[in-house]
C-alpha atoms as a PDB file:
ATOM      1  CA  MET A   1      24.807   2.168  16.366  1.00  0.00           C
ATOM      2  CA  THR A   2      22.410  -0.039  18.284  1.00  0.00           C
ATOM      3  CA  PHE A   3      18.803  -0.227  17.161  1.00  0.00           C
ATOM      4  CA  ASP A   4      16.014  -0.491  19.729  1.00  0.00           C
ATOM      5  CA  VAL A   5      12.979  -2.141  18.156  1.00  0.00           C
ATOM      6  CA  ARG A   6      10.992  -1.220  21.275  1.00  0.00           C
ATOM      7  CA  ALA A   7      11.953   2.477  21.119  1.00  0.00           C
ATOM      8  CA  LYS A   8       9.372   5.157  21.806  1.00  0.00           C
ATOM      9  CA  VAL A   9       8.885   6.833  18.438  1.00  0.00           C
ATOM     10  CA  PHE A  10       5.651   8.779  18.921  1.00  0.00           C
ATOM     11  CA  ASP A  11       5.406  12.415  19.988  1.00  0.00           C
ATOM     12  CA  GLU A  12       3.105  13.855  22.661  1.00  0.00           C
ATOM     13  CA  ALA A  13       0.225  13.971  20.158  1.00  0.00           C
ATOM     14  CA  GLY A  14       0.711  10.281  19.340  1.00  0.00           C
ATOM     15  CA  ASP A  15       2.143  10.928  15.865  1.00  0.00           C
ATOM     16  CA  TYR A  16       5.113   9.019  14.520  1.00  0.00           C
ATOM     17  CA  ASP A  17       8.313  11.083  14.791  1.00  0.00           C
ATOM     18  CA  GLU A  18       9.905  10.827  11.332  1.00  0.00           C
ATOM     19  CA  LYS A  19      13.152  12.244  12.717  1.00  0.00           C
ATOM     20  CA  SER A  20      13.600   9.134  14.843  1.00  0.00           C
ATOM     21  CA  GLY A  21      14.718   7.210  11.746  1.00  0.00           C
ATOM     22  CA  TYR A  22      13.048   4.106  13.207  1.00  0.00           C
ATOM     23  CA  ARG A  23      11.292   2.916  10.064  1.00  0.00           C
ATOM     24  CA  GLU A  24      14.267   3.454   7.773  1.00  0.00           C
ATOM     25  CA  ALA A  25      16.686   1.704  10.146  1.00  0.00           C
ATOM     26  CA  LEU A  26      14.385  -1.270  10.751  1.00  0.00           C
ATOM     27  CA  LEU A  27      13.608  -1.755   7.079  1.00  0.00           C
ATOM     28  CA  GLY A  28      17.244  -1.329   6.100  1.00  0.00           C
ATOM     29  CA  MET A  29      18.143  -4.194   8.423  1.00  0.00           C
ATOM     30  CA  PHE A  30      15.296  -6.290   7.033  1.00  0.00           C
ATOM     31  CA  GLN A  31      16.381  -5.714   3.434  1.00  0.00           C
ATOM     32  CA  GLU A  32      19.867  -6.974   4.312  1.00  0.00           C
ATOM     33  CA  SER A  33      18.552  -9.997   6.220  1.00  0.00           C
ATOM     34  CA  PRO A  34      18.604 -13.672   5.235  1.00  0.00           C
ATOM     35  CA  GLU A  35      14.793 -13.627   5.399  1.00  0.00           C
ATOM     36  CA  ALA A  36      14.599 -10.934   2.717  1.00  0.00           C
ATOM     37  CA  GLU A  37      17.306 -12.629   0.674  1.00  0.00           C
ATOM     38  CA  ALA A  38      15.294 -15.865   0.717  1.00  0.00           C
ATOM     39  CA  LEU A  39      12.450 -14.077  -1.086  1.00  0.00           C
ATOM     40  CA  GLY A  40      14.573 -14.105  -4.223  1.00  0.00           C
ATOM     41  CA  ASP A  41      14.579 -11.528  -6.954  1.00  0.00           C
ATOM     42  CA  VAL A  42      11.365  -9.676  -6.137  1.00  0.00           C
ATOM     43  CA  GLU A  43      10.708  -5.979  -5.856  1.00  0.00           C
ATOM     44  CA  MET A  44      10.677  -5.180  -2.146  1.00  0.00           C
ATOM     45  CA  GLY A  45       8.305  -2.647  -0.658  1.00  0.00           C
ATOM     46  CA  TRP A  46       5.429  -4.459   1.002  1.00  0.00           C
ATOM     47  CA  ALA A  47       7.127  -4.585   4.403  1.00  0.00           C
ATOM     48  CA  ASP A  48       7.833  -0.862   4.135  1.00  0.00           C
ATOM     49  CA  SER A  49       4.148  -0.143   3.430  1.00  0.00           C
ATOM     50  CA  PHE A  50       3.153  -2.468   6.254  1.00  0.00           C
ATOM     51  CA  VAL A  51       5.386  -0.743   8.828  1.00  0.00           C
ATOM     52  CA  HIS A  52       4.409   2.702   7.508  1.00  0.00           C
ATOM     53  CA  TYR A  53       0.692   2.029   7.950  1.00  0.00           C
ATOM     54  CA  GLY A  54       1.296   0.591  11.406  1.00  0.00           C
ATOM     55  CA  LEU A  55       3.212   3.674  12.512  1.00  0.00           C
ATOM     56  CA  ASP A  56       1.225   6.379  10.739  1.00  0.00           C
ATOM     57  CA  TYR A  57      -2.319   4.993  10.653  1.00  0.00           C
ATOM     58  CA  ILE A  58      -2.645   2.766  13.711  1.00  0.00           C
ATOM     59  CA  GLY A  59       0.084   4.276  15.883  1.00  0.00           C
ATOM     60  CA  VAL A  60       2.028   1.124  16.748  1.00  0.00           C
ATOM     61  CA  THR A  61       5.533  -0.152  16.150  1.00  0.00           C
ATOM     62  CA  PRO A  62       6.035  -3.809  15.212  1.00  0.00           C
ATOM     63  CA  ALA A  63       6.939  -4.451  18.860  1.00  0.00           C
ATOM     64  CA  GLN A  64       3.499  -3.155  19.896  1.00  0.00           C
ATOM     65  CA  MET A  65       1.456  -4.867  17.179  1.00  0.00           C
ATOM     66  CA  ARG A  66      -1.174  -7.499  17.774  1.00  0.00           C
ATOM     67  CA  PRO A  67      -2.644  -9.903  15.213  1.00  0.00           C
ATOM     68  CA  ASP A  68      -5.724  -7.668  14.798  1.00  0.00           C
ATOM     69  CA  HIS A  69      -3.408  -4.797  13.780  1.00  0.00           C
ATOM     70  CA  VAL A  70      -1.810  -7.049  11.153  1.00  0.00           C
ATOM     71  CA  GLU A  71      -5.249  -7.995   9.819  1.00  0.00           C
ATOM     72  CA  GLU A  72      -6.346  -4.353   9.667  1.00  0.00           C
ATOM     73  CA  ILE A  73      -3.223  -3.249   7.809  1.00  0.00           C
ATOM     74  CA  VAL A  74      -3.089  -6.142   5.343  1.00  0.00           C
ATOM     75  CA  PHE A  75      -6.787  -6.675   4.602  1.00  0.00           C
ATOM     76  CA  ASP A  76      -8.201  -3.166   5.086  1.00  0.00           C
ATOM     77  CA  ILE A  77      -5.621  -0.389   4.800  1.00  0.00           C
ATOM     78  CA  ILE A  78      -3.437  -1.846   2.029  1.00  0.00           C
ATOM     79  CA  PRO A  79      -6.384  -2.640  -0.290  1.00  0.00           C
ATOM     80  CA  ARG A  80      -7.773   0.856   0.382  1.00  0.00           C
ATOM     81  CA  LYS A  81      -4.515   2.756  -0.178  1.00  0.00           C
ATOM     82  CA  VAL A  82      -2.104   0.788  -2.370  1.00  0.00           C
ATOM     83  CA  VAL A  83      -2.579   0.634  -6.133  1.00  0.00           C
ATOM     84  CA  ALA A  84      -1.510  -2.928  -6.921  1.00  0.00           C
ATOM     85  CA  GLU A  85      -2.634  -5.759  -9.139  1.00  0.00           C
ATOM     86  CA  PRO A  86      -4.476  -8.550  -7.310  1.00  0.00           C
ATOM     87  CA  GLY A  87      -1.799 -10.959  -8.551  1.00  0.00           C
ATOM     88  CA  GLU A  88       0.729  -9.184  -6.303  1.00  0.00           C
ATOM     89  CA  ALA A  89      -1.029 -10.458  -3.167  1.00  0.00           C
ATOM     90  CA  GLY A  90       1.218 -13.521  -2.890  1.00  0.00           C
ATOM     91  CA  ASP A  91       4.389 -11.410  -2.968  1.00  0.00           C
ATOM     92  CA  ALA A  92       2.919  -9.035  -0.395  1.00  0.00           C
ATOM     93  CA  VAL A  93       1.959 -11.748   2.077  1.00  0.00           C
ATOM     94  CA  ARG A  94       5.265 -13.614   1.649  1.00  0.00           C
ATOM     95  CA  GLU A  95       7.293 -10.446   2.234  1.00  0.00           C
ATOM     96  CA  ILE A  96       5.326  -9.441   5.328  1.00  0.00           C
ATOM     97  CA  ARG A  97       5.651 -12.986   6.705  1.00  0.00           C
ATOM     98  CA  ALA A  98       9.408 -12.786   6.080  1.00  0.00           C
ATOM     99  CA  PHE A  99       9.461  -9.468   7.932  1.00  0.00           C
ATOM    100  CA  TRP A 100       7.877 -11.127  10.998  1.00  0.00           C
ATOM    101  CA  ASP A 101      10.367 -14.000  10.759  1.00  0.00           C
ATOM    102  CA  PHE A 102      13.149 -11.392  10.699  1.00  0.00           C
ATOM    103  CA  VAL A 103      11.979  -9.423  13.748  1.00  0.00           C
ATOM    104  CA  LYS A 104      11.437 -12.656  15.673  1.00  0.00           C
ATOM    105  CA  ARG A 105      14.962 -13.908  14.915  1.00  0.00           C
ATOM    106  CA  ARG A 106      16.772 -10.570  15.213  1.00  0.00           C
ATOM    107  CA  PHE A 107      14.948  -9.014  18.160  1.00  0.00           C
ATOM    108  CA  GLY A 108      13.125 -11.915  19.803  1.00  0.00           C
ATOM    109  CA  LEU A 109       9.791 -10.091  19.683  1.00  0.00           C
ATOM    110  CA  GLU A 110       7.262 -12.025  21.726  1.00  0.00           C
ATOM    111  CA  ASN A 111       4.386 -10.957  19.459  1.00  0.00           C
ATOM    112  CA  ALA A 112       6.080 -11.979  16.190  1.00  0.00           C
ATOM    113  CA  GLU A 113       4.710 -15.524  15.965  1.00  0.00           C
ATOM    114  CA  ALA A 114       1.130 -14.457  16.709  1.00  0.00           C
ATOM    115  CA  CYS A 115       1.343 -11.566  14.238  1.00  0.00           C
ATOM    116  CA  ARG A 116       2.797 -13.816  11.545  1.00  0.00           C
ATOM    117  CA  SER A 117       0.023 -16.354  12.143  1.00  0.00           C
ATOM    118  CA  ALA A 118      -2.510 -13.656  11.167  1.00  0.00           C
ATOM    119  CA  LEU A 119      -1.116 -14.186   7.647  1.00  0.00           C
ATOM    120  CA  GLY A 120      -1.554 -17.946   7.614  1.00  0.00           C
ATOM    121  CA  GLY A 121      -3.954 -20.143   5.726  1.00  0.00           C
ATOM    122  CA  ASP A 122      -5.799 -18.317   2.992  1.00  0.00           C
ATOM    123  CA  ALA A 123      -4.185 -14.895   3.542  1.00  0.00           C
ATOM    124  CA  GLU A 124      -2.907 -14.663  -0.038  1.00  0.00           C
ATOM    125  CA  ARG A 125      -6.352 -15.435  -1.478  1.00  0.00           C
ATOM    126  CA  ARG A 126      -8.055 -13.013   0.908  1.00  0.00           C
ATOM    127  CA  LEU A 127      -5.690 -10.181   0.013  1.00  0.00           C
ATOM    128  CA  GLU A 128      -6.026 -10.945  -3.688  1.00  0.00           C
ATOM    129  CA  GLU A 129      -9.816 -10.666  -3.402  1.00  0.00           C
ATOM    130  CA  ARG A 130      -9.562  -7.399  -1.457  1.00  0.00           C
ATOM    131  CA  LEU A 131      -7.108  -5.903  -3.987  1.00  0.00           C
ATOM    132  CA  ALA A 132      -9.545  -6.769  -6.794  1.00  0.00           C
ATOM    133  CA  ASP A 133     -12.673  -5.413  -5.071  1.00  0.00           C
ATOM    134  CA  PRO A 134     -13.379  -1.743  -5.992  1.00  0.00           C
ATOM    135  CA  GLY A 135     -15.602  -1.569  -2.905  1.00  0.00           C
ATOM    136  CA  CYS A 136     -12.409  -1.756  -0.818  1.00  0.00           C
ATOM    137  CA  PHE A 137     -10.696   1.121  -2.614  1.00  0.00           C
ATOM    138  CA  GLY A 138     -10.243   4.534  -1.047  1.00  0.00           C
ATOM    139  CA  MET A 139     -11.074   7.698  -2.976  1.00  0.00           C
ATOM    140  CA  ALA A 140      -7.563   8.307  -4.342  1.00  0.00           C
ATOM    141  CA  LYS A 141      -7.078   4.676  -5.342  1.00  0.00           C
ATOM    142  CA  SER A 142     -10.491   4.646  -7.058  1.00  0.00           C
ATOM    143  CA  PHE A 143      -9.564   7.794  -8.979  1.00  0.00           C
ATOM    144  CA  LEU A 144      -6.250   6.354 -10.186  1.00  0.00           C
ATOM    145  CA  THR A 145      -7.670   2.918 -10.955  1.00  0.00           C
ATOM    146  CA  THR A 146     -10.462   4.427 -13.048  1.00  0.00           C
ATOM    147  CA  GLY A 147      -8.002   6.506 -15.042  1.00  0.00           C
ATOM    148  CA  GLY A 148      -5.832   3.481 -15.695  1.00  0.00           C
ATOM    149  CA  SER A 149      -8.809   1.383 -16.787  1.00  0.00           C
ATOM    150  CA  LEU A 150      -9.738   4.106 -19.304  1.00  0.00           C
ATOM    151  CA  GLY A 151      -6.313   3.853 -20.909  1.00  0.00           C
ATOM    152  CA  PHE A 152      -4.500   6.800 -19.341  1.00  0.00           C
ATOM    153  CA  ASP A 153      -0.784   6.324 -18.679  1.00  0.00           C
ATOM    154  CA  LEU A 154      -0.729   7.205 -14.995  1.00  0.00           C
ATOM    155  CA  GLY A 155       2.983   6.460 -14.783  1.00  0.00           C
ATOM    156  CA  SER A 156       3.789   9.653 -16.666  1.00  0.00           C
ATOM    157  CA  GLU A 157       3.142  13.242 -15.699  1.00  0.00           C
ATOM    158  CA  GLY A 158       1.461  13.894 -19.051  1.00  0.00           C
ATOM    159  CA  GLY A 159      -0.834  10.897 -18.732  1.00  0.00           C
ATOM    160  CA  LEU A 160      -1.819  11.751 -15.182  1.00  0.00           C
ATOM    161  CA  GLY A 161      -2.452  15.365 -16.192  1.00  0.00           C
ATOM    162  CA  ALA A 162      -4.560  14.196 -19.119  1.00  0.00           C
ATOM    163  CA  TRP A 163      -6.646  12.013 -16.792  1.00  0.00           C
ATOM    164  CA  VAL A 164      -7.186  14.892 -14.341  1.00  0.00           C
ATOM    165  CA  THR A 165      -8.263  17.141 -17.241  1.00  0.00           C
ATOM    166  CA  ALA A 166     -10.647  14.508 -18.596  1.00  0.00           C
ATOM    167  CA  TYR A 167     -12.062  13.803 -15.148  1.00  0.00           C
ATOM    168  CA  ASN A 168     -12.689  17.489 -14.484  1.00  0.00           C
ATOM    169  CA  ALA A 169     -14.306  17.859 -17.918  1.00  0.00           C
ATOM    170  CA  MET A 170     -16.568  14.910 -17.156  1.00  0.00           C
ATOM    171  CA  LEU A 171     -17.588  16.455 -13.848  1.00  0.00           C
ATOM    172  CA  SER A 172     -18.355  19.843 -15.366  1.00  0.00           C
ATOM    173  CA  GLY A 173     -20.460  18.242 -18.099  1.00  0.00           C
ATOM    174  CA  ALA A 174     -22.140  15.677 -15.861  1.00  0.00           C
ATOM    175  CA  GLY A 175     -25.658  17.040 -16.327  1.00  0.00           C
ATOM    176  CA  GLY A 176     -28.077  16.827 -19.229  1.00  0.00           C
ATOM    177  CA  GLN A 177     -28.943  14.280 -21.862  1.00  0.00           C
ATOM    178  CA  ASP A 178     -25.600  14.439 -23.684  1.00  0.00           C
ATOM    179  CA  ALA A 179     -23.478  13.929 -20.535  1.00  0.00           C
ATOM    180  CA  GLY A 180     -22.302  10.441 -21.560  1.00  0.00           C
ATOM    181  CA  LYS A 181     -21.290  11.613 -25.014  1.00  0.00           C
ATOM    182  CA  LYS A 182     -19.456  14.632 -23.530  1.00  0.00           C
ATOM    183  CA  LYS A 183     -17.600  12.402 -21.067  1.00  0.00           C
ATOM    184  CA  ARG A 184     -16.415  10.038 -23.785  1.00  0.00           C
ATOM    185  CA  LYS A 185     -15.362  12.935 -26.042  1.00  0.00           C
ATOM    186  CA  ALA A 186     -13.458  14.651 -23.198  1.00  0.00           C
ATOM    187  CA  ALA A 187     -11.733  11.390 -22.295  1.00  0.00           C
ATOM    188  CA  ARG A 188     -10.665  10.776 -25.923  1.00  0.00           C
ATOM    189  CA  LYS A 189      -9.380  14.344 -26.245  1.00  0.00           C
ATOM    190  CA  ALA A 190      -7.432  14.165 -22.985  1.00  0.00           C
ATOM    191  CA  ARG A 191      -5.881  10.780 -23.918  1.00  0.00           C
ATOM    192  CA  ARG A 192      -4.687  12.182 -27.242  1.00  0.00           C
ATOM    193  CA  LYS A 193      -3.203  15.181 -25.398  1.00  0.00           C
ATOM    194  CA  GLY A 194      -1.451  12.853 -22.906  1.00  0.00           C
ATOM    195  CA  ARG A 195       0.242  10.891 -25.729  1.00  0.00           C
ATOM    196  CA  ARG A 196       2.022  13.945 -27.100  1.00  0.00           C
END
C-alpha cells in the first residue's frame, strides 16, 4: 500500500477523518524509521501527540504545516493538554525534530526544514519552562496536576476516584470559616480510601 503524505484527510466540516488511517500509517512508518531508531531507548509518543494536535486542533497535516503551527502545537497546545514532567521537554523536542527529519527524507516535504527550524536554539528550555508553568495548563491538566501534587495516585482508578471525591467534597464545603479545615480533612479521607 502506498502512503500519500499530502492526502486530503478532512471532511466537509474540516474535521479530521479518523477512518482515513492517515495518522496511524504515518506514525507507524516513523516508528520504524532510522530517525526514530537513532533516538535510542526512549518511550515514543511525542510525535504522535504532535501530529494529533495538528490534525485535530489546527486542522493541518504535516504536509500543510508552517513553522507557526509547530510553535503553537509545541509551546501552547502541548503544555496546555499533556501531563508531563518539565524534564521530558528534551525528549519531546528531539522526537519531534526526528519526525521532521523523517518526513523530509521519506517524502521530500518542502516545509520540513522550516518546520524543524522552529524547534532550534532554545526550544528544549522553552518547552521545559512552559511544562512547568501552571499558568499554561488547561483545566483538565490543572485538575490532574493538583491531585497528583496532593499525593493522589492518579495512575490507578481508585486513586483518581479518591481525588474526584476529595475535590467534590472541597467544592461543596468551600464556604465558611472552616472551609480550609474541611478541605484538608476530605483530602485525607479520600487518600486513605484510594489506598485500599
